[in-house]
Amino acid sequence: AQAWAPGASEPEEAEEARRVAGEDCPEHLSHFSLKDWLLKRAAEQCPGFDGELLWSALSEIDPGSMEDPEIVKMWLGLPADDQLPPGVARLVSEFGQQRELLKFCGD
């Protein structure tokens, strides 16, 4: 990978990051389904939650809002005064990370 050059414009840096990440992305990620991944992780992390409901909510939440538990609870229909269950909170974090990583490996 090429070192960052002072004064390089942001678009050039982003393009270089995508190029480098694309070279390092495993072939199997070209067939990766974020929905399938989420449904599997939901069954593991959140047994009692409907995986389809989690997918419907999380896939619609703006990436910048994923860190706000109040927004996540609203989308999931949870009471405002309840805490986000730990498994759901962990899954939300993992989902955000996966979605971000796929930007570099996707089409």
PDB file of N, CA and C in Angstrom:
ATOM      1  N   ALA A   1       0.847  -1.183   0.000  1.00  0.00           N
ATOM      2  CA  ALA A   1       0.000   0.000   0.000  1.00  0.00           C
ATOM      3  C   ALA A   1       0.883   1.233   0.000  1.00  0.00           C
ATOM      4  N   GLN A   2       0.387   2.222  -0.654  1.00  0.00           N
ATOM      5  CA  GLN A   2       1.117   3.464  -0.773  1.00  0.00           C
ATOM      6  C   GLN A   2       0.908   4.303   0.487  1.00  0.00           C
ATOM      7  N   ALA A   3       1.935   4.997   0.907  1.00  0.00           N
ATOM      8  CA  ALA A   3       1.831   5.869   2.080  1.00  0.00           C
ATOM      9  C   ALA A   3       1.002   7.090   1.722  1.00  0.00           C
ATOM     10  N   TRP A   4       0.359   7.650   2.714  1.00  0.00           N
ATOM     11  CA  TRP A   4      -0.435   8.854   2.510  1.00  0.00           C
ATOM     12  C   TRP A   4       0.480  10.008   2.165  1.00  0.00           C
ATOM     13  N   ALA A   5       0.103  10.778   1.192  1.00  0.00           N
ATOM     14  CA  ALA A   5       0.901  11.927   0.776  1.00  0.00           C
ATOM     15  C   ALA A   5       0.273  13.200   1.321  1.00  0.00           C
ATOM     16  N   PRO A   6       1.034  13.985   2.084  1.00  0.00           N
ATOM     17  CA  PRO A   6       0.486  15.250   2.582  1.00  0.00           C
ATOM     18  C   PRO A   6      -0.024  16.087   1.425  1.00  0.00           C
ATOM     19  N   GLY A   7      -1.187  16.671   1.632  1.00  0.00           N
ATOM     20  CA  GLY A   7      -1.766  17.524   0.596  1.00  0.00           C
ATOM     21  C   GLY A   7      -2.623  16.769  -0.402  1.00  0.00           C
ATOM     22  N   ALA A   8      -2.689  15.452  -0.301  1.00  0.00           N
ATOM     23  CA  ALA A   8      -3.534  14.695  -1.230  1.00  0.00           C
ATOM     24  C   ALA A   8      -4.991  15.029  -0.942  1.00  0.00           C
ATOM     25  N   SER A   9      -5.765  15.128  -1.993  1.00  0.00           N
ATOM     26  CA  SER A   9      -7.166  15.481  -1.787  1.00  0.00           C
ATOM     27  C   SER A   9      -7.928  14.284  -1.217  1.00  0.00           C
ATOM     28  N   GLU A  10      -9.020  14.585  -0.546  1.00  0.00           N
ATOM     29  CA  GLU A  10      -9.822  13.524   0.076  1.00  0.00           C
ATOM     30  C   GLU A  10     -10.318  12.507  -0.947  1.00  0.00           C
ATOM     31  N   PRO A  11     -10.825  12.943  -2.121  1.00  0.00           N
ATOM     32  CA  PRO A  11     -11.270  11.940  -3.093  1.00  0.00           C
ATOM     33  C   PRO A  11     -10.146  10.992  -3.522  1.00  0.00           C
ATOM     34  N   GLU A  12      -8.935  11.515  -3.665  1.00  0.00           N
ATOM     35  CA  GLU A  12      -7.811  10.650  -4.028  1.00  0.00           C
ATOM     36  C   GLU A  12      -7.520   9.653  -2.921  1.00  0.00           C
ATOM     37  N   GLU A  13      -7.592  10.112  -1.662  1.00  0.00           N
ATOM     38  CA  GLU A  13      -7.359   9.221  -0.523  1.00  0.00           C
ATOM     39  C   GLU A  13      -8.425   8.141  -0.456  1.00  0.00           C
ATOM     40  N   ALA A  14      -9.687   8.525  -0.650  1.00  0.00           N
ATOM     41  CA  ALA A  14     -10.785   7.557  -0.605  1.00  0.00           C
ATOM     42  C   ALA A  14     -10.653   6.550  -1.745  1.00  0.00           C
ATOM     43  N   GLU A  15     -10.293   7.035  -2.927  1.00  0.00           N
ATOM     44  CA  GLU A  15     -10.126   6.135  -4.070  1.00  0.00           C
ATOM     45  C   GLU A  15      -8.980   5.151  -3.816  1.00  0.00           C
ATOM     46  N   GLU A  16      -7.896   5.631  -3.265  1.00  0.00           N
ATOM     47  CA  GLU A  16      -6.762   4.764  -2.951  1.00  0.00           C
ATOM     48  C   GLU A  16      -7.155   3.735  -1.895  1.00  0.00           C
ATOM     49  N   ALA A  17      -7.890   4.162  -0.878  1.00  0.00           N
ATOM     50  CA  ALA A  17      -8.325   3.231   0.174  1.00  0.00           C
ATOM     51  C   ALA A  17      -9.207   2.144  -0.417  1.00  0.00           C
ATOM     52  N   ARG A  18     -10.120   2.515  -1.302  1.00  0.00           N
ATOM     53  CA  ARG A  18     -10.997   1.513  -1.939  1.00  0.00           C
ATOM     54  C   ARG A  18     -10.177   0.565  -2.810  1.00  0.00           C
ATOM     55  N   ARG A  19      -9.208   1.108  -3.548  1.00  0.00           N
ATOM     56  CA  ARG A  19      -8.383   0.272  -4.411  1.00  0.00           C
ATOM     57  C   ARG A  19      -7.592  -0.737  -3.587  1.00  0.00           C
ATOM     58  N   VAL A  20      -6.956  -0.253  -2.532  1.00  0.00           N
ATOM     59  CA  VAL A  20      -6.149  -1.132  -1.684  1.00  0.00           C
ATOM     60  C   VAL A  20      -7.036  -2.158  -0.995  1.00  0.00           C
ATOM     61  N   ALA A  21      -8.161  -1.708  -0.439  1.00  0.00           N
ATOM     62  CA  ALA A  21      -9.071  -2.640   0.237  1.00  0.00           C
ATOM     63  C   ALA A  21      -9.601  -3.662  -0.752  1.00  0.00           C
ATOM     64  N   GLY A  22      -9.891  -3.229  -1.968  1.00  0.00           N
ATOM     65  CA  GLY A  22     -10.398  -4.154  -2.981  1.00  0.00           C
ATOM     66  C   GLY A  22      -9.397  -5.249  -3.287  1.00  0.00           C
ATOM     67  N   GLU A  23      -8.121  -4.896  -3.266  1.00  0.00           N
ATOM     68  CA  GLU A  23      -7.090  -5.899  -3.513  1.00  0.00           C
ATOM     69  C   GLU A  23      -7.013  -6.904  -2.377  1.00  0.00           C
ATOM     70  N   ASP A  24      -7.340  -6.458  -1.174  1.00  0.00           N
ATOM     71  CA  ASP A  24      -7.225  -7.305   0.002  1.00  0.00           C
ATOM     72  C   ASP A  24      -8.521  -8.024   0.361  1.00  0.00           C
ATOM     73  N   CYS A  25      -9.627  -7.712  -0.316  1.00  0.00           N
ATOM     74  CA  CYS A  25     -10.906  -8.326   0.014  1.00  0.00           C
ATOM     75  C   CYS A  25     -10.925  -9.779  -0.458  1.00  0.00           C
ATOM     76  N   PRO A  26     -11.273 -10.683   0.432  1.00  0.00           N
ATOM     77  CA  PRO A  26     -11.356 -12.085   0.043  1.00  0.00           C
ATOM     78  C   PRO A  26     -12.422 -12.286  -1.022  1.00  0.00           C
ATOM     79  N   GLU A  27     -12.199 -13.238  -1.903  1.00  0.00           N
ATOM     80  CA  GLU A  27     -13.125 -13.527  -2.989  1.00  0.00           C
ATOM     81  C   GLU A  27     -14.525 -13.836  -2.469  1.00  0.00           C
ATOM     82  N   HIS A  28     -14.611 -14.551  -1.328  1.00  0.00           N
ATOM     83  CA  HIS A  28     -15.928 -14.950  -0.835  1.00  0.00           C
ATOM     84  C   HIS A  28     -16.803 -13.756  -0.463  1.00  0.00           C
ATOM     85  N   LEU A  29     -16.221 -12.585  -0.257  1.00  0.00           N
ATOM     86  CA  LEU A  29     -17.031 -11.427   0.094  1.00  0.00           C
ATOM     87  C   LEU A  29     -17.830 -10.897  -1.090  1.00  0.00           C
ATOM     88  N   SER A  30     -17.468 -11.282  -2.297  1.00  0.00           N
ATOM     89  CA  SER A  30     -18.249 -10.837  -3.443  1.00  0.00           C
ATOM     90  C   SER A  30     -19.627 -11.498  -3.438  1.00  0.00           C
ATOM     91  N   HIS A  31     -19.785 -12.575  -2.673  1.00  0.00           N
ATOM     92  CA  HIS A  31     -21.070 -13.275  -2.584  1.00  0.00           C
ATOM     93  C   HIS A  31     -21.662 -13.144  -1.187  1.00  0.00           C
ATOM     94  N   PHE A  32     -21.124 -12.250  -0.382  1.00  0.00           N
ATOM     95  CA  PHE A  32     -21.549 -12.077   1.004  1.00  0.00           C
ATOM     96  C   PHE A  32     -22.917 -11.400   1.057  1.00  0.00           C
ATOM     97  N   SER A  33     -23.821 -11.952   1.844  1.00  0.00           N
ATOM     98  CA  SER A  33     -25.139 -11.359   2.037  1.00  0.00           C
ATOM     99  C   SER A  33     -25.217 -10.795   3.447  1.00  0.00           C
ATOM    100  N   LEU A  34     -25.333  -9.489   3.548  1.00  0.00           N
ATOM    101  CA  LEU A  34     -25.425  -8.844   4.848  1.00  0.00           C
ATOM    102  C   LEU A  34     -26.688  -9.303   5.578  1.00  0.00           C
ATOM    103  N   LYS A  35     -27.757  -9.493   4.837  1.00  0.00           N
ATOM    104  CA  LYS A  35     -29.002  -9.956   5.463  1.00  0.00           C
ATOM    105  C   LYS A  35     -28.825 -11.354   6.052  1.00  0.00           C
ATOM    106  N   ASP A  36     -28.254 -12.267   5.279  1.00  0.00           N
ATOM    107  CA  ASP A  36     -28.035 -13.628   5.785  1.00  0.00           C
ATOM    108  C   ASP A  36     -27.134 -13.610   7.014  1.00  0.00           C
ATOM    109  N   TRP A  37     -26.086 -12.788   6.962  1.00  0.00           N
ATOM    110  CA  TRP A  37     -25.183 -12.666   8.109  1.00  0.00           C
ATOM    111  C   TRP A  37     -25.947 -12.187   9.333  1.00  0.00           C
ATOM    112  N   LEU A  38     -26.778 -11.136   9.149  1.00  0.00           N
ATOM    113  CA  LEU A  38     -27.531 -10.578  10.276  1.00  0.00           C
ATOM    114  C   LEU A  38     -28.501 -11.613  10.850  1.00  0.00           C
ATOM    115  N   LEU A  39     -29.203 -12.326   9.996  1.00  0.00           N
ATOM    116  CA  LEU A  39     -30.165 -13.322  10.490  1.00  0.00           C
ATOM    117  C   LEU A  39     -29.462 -14.409  11.301  1.00  0.00           C
ATOM    118  N   LYS A  40     -28.287 -14.825  10.844  1.00  0.00           N
ATOM    119  CA  LYS A  40     -27.526 -15.838  11.576  1.00  0.00           C
ATOM    120  C   LYS A  40     -27.051 -15.286  12.927  1.00  0.00           C
ATOM    121  N   ARG A  41     -26.485 -14.076  12.908  1.00  0.00           N
ATOM    122  CA  ARG A  41     -25.993 -13.467  14.148  1.00  0.00           C
ATOM    123  C   ARG A  41     -27.148 -13.176  15.105  1.00  0.00           C
ATOM    124  N   ALA A  42     -28.297 -12.788  14.584  1.00  0.00           N
ATOM    125  CA  ALA A  42     -29.458 -12.512  15.432  1.00  0.00           C
ATOM    126  C   ALA A  42     -29.891 -13.781  16.160  1.00  0.00           C
ATOM    127  N   ALA A  43     -29.880 -14.912  15.463  1.00  0.00           N
ATOM    128  CA  ALA A  43     -30.248 -16.177  16.102  1.00  0.00           C
ATOM    129  C   ALA A  43     -29.259 -16.532  17.211  1.00  0.00           C
ATOM    130  N   GLU A  44     -27.977 -16.183  17.020  1.00  0.00           N
ATOM    131  CA  GLU A  44     -26.944 -16.481  18.015  1.00  0.00           C
ATOM    132  C   GLU A  44     -26.975 -15.492  19.188  1.00  0.00           C
ATOM    133  N   GLN A  45     -27.067 -14.207  18.870  1.00  0.00           N
ATOM    134  CA  GLN A  45     -26.924 -13.153  19.870  1.00  0.00           C
ATOM    135  C   GLN A  45     -28.244 -12.730  20.527  1.00  0.00           C
ATOM    136  N   CYS A  46     -29.319 -12.863  19.812  1.00  0.00           N
ATOM    137  CA  CYS A  46     -30.602 -12.307  20.262  1.00  0.00           C
ATOM    138  C   CYS A  46     -31.728 -13.326  20.133  1.00  0.00           C
ATOM    139  N   PRO A  47     -31.606 -14.468  20.835  1.00  0.00           N
ATOM    140  CA  PRO A  47     -32.636 -15.487  20.646  1.00  0.00           C
ATOM    141  C   PRO A  47     -33.977 -14.983  21.149  1.00  0.00           C
ATOM    142  N   GLY A  48     -34.895 -14.614  20.856  1.00  0.00           N
ATOM    143  CA  GLY A  48     -36.126 -14.049  21.328  1.00  0.00           C
ATOM    144  C   GLY A  48     -36.518 -12.879  20.453  1.00  0.00           C
ATOM    145  N   PHE A  49     -35.588 -12.390  19.659  1.00  0.00           N
ATOM    146  CA  PHE A  49     -35.885 -11.308  18.725  1.00  0.00           C
ATOM    147  C   PHE A  49     -36.104 -11.899  17.341  1.00  0.00           C
ATOM    148  N   ASP A  50     -37.055 -11.352  16.649  1.00  0.00           N
ATOM    149  CA  ASP A  50     -37.322 -11.763  15.270  1.00  0.00           C
ATOM    150  C   ASP A  50     -36.206 -11.202  14.383  1.00  0.00           C
ATOM    151  N   GLY A  51     -35.451 -12.088  13.740  1.00  0.00           N
ATOM    152  CA  GLY A  51     -34.349 -11.657  12.886  1.00  0.00           C
ATOM    153  C   GLY A  51     -34.803 -10.782  11.736  1.00  0.00           C
ATOM    154  N   GLU A  52     -35.972 -11.084  11.184  1.00  0.00           N
ATOM    155  CA  GLU A  52     -36.488 -10.263  10.074  1.00  0.00           C
ATOM    156  C   GLU A  52     -36.809  -8.841  10.547  1.00  0.00           C
ATOM    157  N   LEU A  53     -37.323  -8.726  11.774  1.00  0.00           N
ATOM    158  CA  LEU A  53     -37.593  -7.401  12.334  1.00  0.00           C
ATOM    159  C   LEU A  53     -36.280  -6.641  12.504  1.00  0.00           C
ATOM    160  N   LEU A  54     -35.261  -7.317  13.039  1.00  0.00           N
ATOM    161  CA  LEU A  54     -33.956  -6.671  13.193  1.00  0.00           C
ATOM    162  C   LEU A  54     -33.417  -6.220  11.843  1.00  0.00           C
ATOM    163  N   TRP A  55     -33.510  -7.084  10.834  1.00  0.00           N
ATOM    164  CA  TRP A  55     -33.034  -6.723   9.503  1.00  0.00           C
ATOM    165  C   TRP A  55     -33.793  -5.514   8.967  1.00  0.00           C
ATOM    166  N   SER A  56     -35.130  -5.565   9.072  1.00  0.00           N
ATOM    167  CA  SER A  56     -35.952  -4.463   8.550  1.00  0.00           C
ATOM    168  C   SER A  56     -35.578  -3.136   9.199  1.00  0.00           C
ATOM    169  N   ALA A  57     -35.362  -3.156  10.496  1.00  0.00           N
ATOM    170  CA  ALA A  57     -35.024  -1.919  11.207  1.00  0.00           C
ATOM    171  C   ALA A  57     -33.596  -1.470  10.910  1.00  0.00           C
ATOM    172  N   LEU A  58     -32.639  -2.368  11.114  1.00  0.00           N
ATOM    173  CA  LEU A  58     -31.229  -1.965  10.996  1.00  0.00           C
ATOM    174  C   LEU A  58     -30.853  -1.577   9.576  1.00  0.00           C
ATOM    175  N   SER A  59     -31.454  -2.207   8.590  1.00  0.00           N
ATOM    176  CA  SER A  59     -31.107  -1.870   7.207  1.00  0.00           C
ATOM    177  C   SER A  59     -31.645  -0.498   6.807  1.00  0.00           C
ATOM    178  N   GLU A  60     -32.596   0.021   7.576  1.00  0.00           N
ATOM    179  CA  GLU A  60     -33.176   1.336   7.269  1.00  0.00           C
ATOM    180  C   GLU A  60     -32.564   2.472   8.082  1.00  0.00           C
ATOM    181  N   ILE A  61     -31.935   2.150   9.188  1.00  0.00           N
ATOM    182  CA  ILE A  61     -31.375   3.204  10.041  1.00  0.00           C
ATOM    183  C   ILE A  61     -30.131   3.790   9.379  1.00  0.00           C
ATOM    184  N   ASP A  62     -30.084   5.094   9.338  1.00  0.00           N
ATOM    185  CA  ASP A  62     -28.930   5.801   8.790  1.00  0.00           C
ATOM    186  C   ASP A  62     -27.682   5.398   9.566  1.00  0.00           C
ATOM    187  N   PRO A  63     -26.568   5.112   8.882  1.00  0.00           N
ATOM    188  CA  PRO A  63     -25.352   4.702   9.589  1.00  0.00           C
ATOM    189  C   PRO A  63     -24.935   5.655  10.705  1.00  0.00           C
ATOM    190  N   GLY A  64     -25.139   6.928  10.535  1.00  0.00           N
ATOM    191  CA  GLY A  64     -24.771   7.892  11.559  1.00  0.00           C
ATOM    192  C   GLY A  64     -25.659   7.833  12.795  1.00  0.00           C
ATOM    193  N   SER A  65     -26.819   7.211  12.680  1.00  0.00           N
ATOM    194  CA  SER A  65     -27.760   7.119  13.795  1.00  0.00           C
ATOM    195  C   SER A  65     -27.684   5.791  14.530  1.00  0.00           C
ATOM    196  N   MET A  66     -26.895   4.856  14.014  1.00  0.00           N
ATOM    197  CA  MET A  66     -26.823   3.513  14.605  1.00  0.00           C
ATOM    198  C   MET A  66     -26.276   3.539  16.030  1.00  0.00           C
ATOM    199  N   GLU A  67     -25.509   4.539  16.366  1.00  0.00           N
ATOM    200  CA  GLU A  67     -24.907   4.610  17.703  1.00  0.00           C
ATOM    201  C   GLU A  67     -25.874   5.140  18.752  1.00  0.00           C
ATOM    202  N   ASP A  68     -27.019   5.649  18.324  1.00  0.00           N
ATOM    203  CA  ASP A  68     -27.997   6.205  19.251  1.00  0.00           C
ATOM    204  C   ASP A  68     -28.994   5.118  19.654  1.00  0.00           C
ATOM    205  N   PRO A  69     -28.900   4.606  20.881  1.00  0.00           N
ATOM    206  CA  PRO A  69     -29.794   3.519  21.291  1.00  0.00           C
ATOM    207  C   PRO A  69     -31.270   3.928  21.271  1.00  0.00           C
ATOM    208  N   GLU A  70     -31.555   5.210  21.447  1.00  0.00           N
ATOM    209  CA  GLU A  70     -32.953   5.664  21.420  1.00  0.00           C
ATOM    210  C   GLU A  70     -33.555   5.477  20.032  1.00  0.00           C
ATOM    211  N   ILE A  71     -32.779   5.757  19.010  1.00  0.00           N
ATOM    212  CA  ILE A  71     -33.257   5.578  17.633  1.00  0.00           C
ATOM    213  C   ILE A  71     -33.445   4.094  17.340  1.00  0.00           C
ATOM    214  N   VAL A  72     -32.499   3.285  17.760  1.00  0.00           N
ATOM    215  CA  VAL A  72     -32.597   1.835  17.535  1.00  0.00           C
ATOM    216  C   VAL A  72     -33.829   1.291  18.248  1.00  0.00           C
ATOM    217  N   LYS A  73     -34.043   1.690  19.499  1.00  0.00           N
ATOM    218  CA  LYS A  73     -35.215   1.225  20.248  1.00  0.00           C
ATOM    219  C   LYS A  73     -36.514   1.655  19.556  1.00  0.00           C
ATOM    220  N   MET A  74     -36.540   2.872  19.046  1.00  0.00           N
ATOM    221  CA  MET A  74     -37.735   3.351  18.357  1.00  0.00           C
ATOM    222  C   MET A  74     -38.035   2.477  17.141  1.00  0.00           C
ATOM    223  N   TRP A  75     -37.009   2.204  16.325  1.00  0.00           N
ATOM    224  CA  TRP A  75     -37.190   1.384  15.132  1.00  0.00           C
ATOM    225  C   TRP A  75     -37.614  -0.045  15.486  1.00  0.00           C
ATOM    226  N   LEU A  76     -37.142  -0.546  16.622  1.00  0.00           N
ATOM    227  CA  LEU A  76     -37.489  -1.906  17.026  1.00  0.00           C
ATOM    228  C   LEU A  76     -38.787  -1.975  17.828  1.00  0.00           C
ATOM    229  N   GLY A  77     -39.366  -0.830  18.132  1.00  0.00           N
ATOM    230  CA  GLY A  77     -40.613  -0.805  18.873  1.00  0.00           C
ATOM    231  C   GLY A  77     -40.447  -1.104  20.354  1.00  0.00           C
ATOM    232  N   LEU A  78     -39.267  -0.832  20.893  1.00  0.00           N
ATOM    233  CA  LEU A  78     -39.005  -1.066  22.311  1.00  0.00           C
ATOM    234  C   LEU A  78     -39.358   0.180  23.111  1.00  0.00           C
ATOM    235  N   PRO A  79     -39.820   0.016  24.349  1.00  0.00           N
ATOM    236  CA  PRO A  79     -40.140   1.181  25.180  1.00  0.00           C
ATOM    237  C   PRO A  79     -38.918   2.079  25.389  1.00  0.00           C
ATOM    238  N   ALA A  80     -39.161   3.370  25.372  1.00  0.00           N
ATOM    239  CA  ALA A  80     -38.073   4.348  25.500  1.00  0.00           C
ATOM    240  C   ALA A  80     -37.342   4.225  26.828  1.00  0.00           C
ATOM    241  N   ASP A  81     -38.058   3.814  27.889  1.00  0.00           N
ATOM    242  CA  ASP A  81     -37.408   3.750  29.197  1.00  0.00           C
ATOM    243  C   ASP A  81     -36.699   2.420  29.455  1.00  0.00           C
ATOM    244  N   ASP A  82     -36.794   1.472  28.525  1.00  0.00           N
ATOM    245  CA  ASP A  82     -36.052   0.205  28.641  1.00  0.00           C
ATOM    246  C   ASP A  82     -34.648   0.383  28.066  1.00  0.00           C
ATOM    247  N   GLN A  83     -33.722  -0.417  28.580  1.00  0.00           N
ATOM    248  CA  GLN A  83     -32.379  -0.433  27.999  1.00  0.00           C
ATOM    249  C   GLN A  83     -32.387  -1.359  26.784  1.00  0.00           C
ATOM    250  N   LEU A  84     -31.518  -1.063  25.846  1.00  0.00           N
ATOM    251  CA  LEU A  84     -31.351  -1.943  24.694  1.00  0.00           C
ATOM    252  C   LEU A  84     -30.718  -3.233  25.203  1.00  0.00           C
ATOM    253  N   PRO A  85     -31.329  -4.390  24.931  1.00  0.00           N
ATOM    254  CA  PRO A  85     -30.730  -5.640  25.408  1.00  0.00           C
ATOM    255  C   PRO A  85     -29.280  -5.773  24.933  1.00  0.00           C
ATOM    256  N   PRO A  86     -28.392  -6.300  25.793  1.00  0.00           N
ATOM    257  CA  PRO A  86     -26.961  -6.377  25.445  1.00  0.00           C
ATOM    258  C   PRO A  86     -26.692  -7.096  24.117  1.00  0.00           C
ATOM    259  N   GLY A  87     -27.395  -8.179  23.845  1.00  0.00           N
ATOM    260  CA  GLY A  87     -27.184  -8.894  22.581  1.00  0.00           C
ATOM    261  C   GLY A  87     -27.564  -8.050  21.385  1.00  0.00           C
ATOM    262  N   VAL A  88     -28.634  -7.288  21.525  1.00  0.00           N
ATOM    263  CA  VAL A  88     -29.069  -6.412  20.435  1.00  0.00           C
ATOM    264  C   VAL A  88     -28.068  -5.280  20.260  1.00  0.00           C
ATOM    265  N   ALA A  89     -27.620  -4.693  21.360  1.00  0.00           N
ATOM    266  CA  ALA A  89     -26.637  -3.607  21.275  1.00  0.00           C
ATOM    267  C   ALA A  89     -25.362  -4.082  20.574  1.00  0.00           C
ATOM    268  N   ARG A  90     -24.911  -5.282  20.917  1.00  0.00           N
ATOM    269  CA  ARG A  90     -23.710  -5.839  20.290  1.00  0.00           C
ATOM    270  C   ARG A  90     -23.955  -6.081  18.796  1.00  0.00           C
ATOM    271  N   LEU A  91     -25.127  -6.617  18.468  1.00  0.00           N
ATOM    272  CA  LEU A  91     -25.454  -6.889  17.069  1.00  0.00           C
ATOM    273  C   LEU A  91     -25.538  -5.599  16.259  1.00  0.00           C
ATOM    274  N   VAL A  92     -26.104  -4.569  16.836  1.00  0.00           N
ATOM    275  CA  VAL A  92     -26.186  -3.270  16.149  1.00  0.00           C
ATOM    276  C   VAL A  92     -24.786  -2.771  15.825  1.00  0.00           C
ATOM    277  N   SER A  93     -23.880  -2.881  16.781  1.00  0.00           N
ATOM    278  CA  SER A  93     -22.500  -2.449  16.567  1.00  0.00           C
ATOM    279  C   SER A  93     -21.833  -3.285  15.467  1.00  0.00           C
ATOM    280  N   GLU A  94     -21.989  -4.596  15.545  1.00  0.00           N
ATOM    281  CA  GLU A  94     -21.395  -5.479  14.538  1.00  0.00           C
ATOM    282  C   GLU A  94     -21.985  -5.217  13.156  1.00  0.00           C
ATOM    283  N   PHE A  95     -23.286  -4.987  13.093  1.00  0.00           N
ATOM    284  CA  PHE A  95     -23.947  -4.717  11.818  1.00  0.00           C
ATOM    285  C   PHE A  95     -23.378  -3.455  11.181  1.00  0.00           C
ATOM    286  N   GLY A  96     -23.215  -2.412  12.002  1.00  0.00           N
ATOM    287  CA  GLY A  96     -22.638  -1.169  11.486  1.00  0.00           C
ATOM    288  C   GLY A  96     -21.240  -1.380  10.935  1.00  0.00           C
ATOM    289  N   GLN A  97     -20.450  -2.187  11.627  1.00  0.00           N
ATOM    290  CA  GLN A  97     -19.090  -2.476  11.167  1.00  0.00           C
ATOM    291  C   GLN A  97     -19.113  -3.264   9.863  1.00  0.00           C
ATOM    292  N   GLN A  98     -19.965  -4.271   9.790  1.00  0.00           N
ATOM    293  CA  GLN A  98     -20.054  -5.075   8.567  1.00  0.00           C
ATOM    294  C   GLN A  98     -20.499  -4.221   7.383  1.00  0.00           C
ATOM    295  N   ARG A  99     -21.495  -3.384   7.614  1.00  0.00           N
ATOM    296  CA  ARG A  99     -22.006  -2.530   6.533  1.00  0.00           C
ATOM    297  C   ARG A  99     -20.908  -1.590   6.047  1.00  0.00           C
ATOM    298  N   GLU A 100     -20.129  -1.061   6.967  1.00  0.00           N
ATOM    299  CA  GLU A 100     -19.028  -0.160   6.611  1.00  0.00           C
ATOM    300  C   GLU A 100     -17.948  -0.900   5.810  1.00  0.00           C
ATOM    301  N   LEU A 101     -17.584  -2.101   6.263  1.00  0.00           N
ATOM    302  CA  LEU A 101     -16.562  -2.879   5.551  1.00  0.00           C
ATOM    303  C   LEU A 101     -16.995  -3.245   4.143  1.00  0.00           C
ATOM    304  N   LEU A 102     -18.269  -3.522   3.956  1.00  0.00           N
ATOM    305  CA  LEU A 102     -18.755  -3.915   2.643  1.00  0.00           C
ATOM    306  C   LEU A 102     -18.682  -2.776   1.625  1.00  0.00           C
ATOM    307  N   LYS A 103     -18.614  -1.551   2.099  1.00  0.00           N
ATOM    308  CA  LYS A 103     -18.451  -0.413   1.180  1.00  0.00           C
ATOM    309  C   LYS A 103     -17.158  -0.547   0.390  1.00  0.00           C
ATOM    310  N   PHE A 104     -16.138  -1.130   1.025  1.00  0.00           N
ATOM    311  CA  PHE A 104     -14.847  -1.258   0.373  1.00  0.00           C
ATOM    312  C   PHE A 104     -14.737  -2.511  -0.487  1.00  0.00           C
ATOM    313  N   CYS A 105     -15.559  -3.501  -0.205  1.00  0.00           N
ATOM    314  CA  CYS A 105     -15.455  -4.768  -0.936  1.00  0.00           C
ATOM    315  C   CYS A 105     -16.577  -4.968  -1.932  1.00  0.00           C
ATOM    316  N   GLY A 106     -17.638  -4.174  -1.813  1.00  0.00           N
ATOM    317  CA  GLY A 106     -18.774  -4.361  -2.694  1.00  0.00           C
ATOM    318  C   GLY A 106     -18.546  -3.713  -4.041  1.00  0.00           C
ATOM    319  N   ASP A 107     -19.556  -3.855  -4.876  1.00  0.00           N
ATOM    320  CA  ASP A 107     -19.497  -3.262  -6.213  1.00  0.00           C
ATOM    321  C   ASP A 107     -19.777  -1.786  -6.153  1.00  0.00           C
TER     322      ASP A 107
END
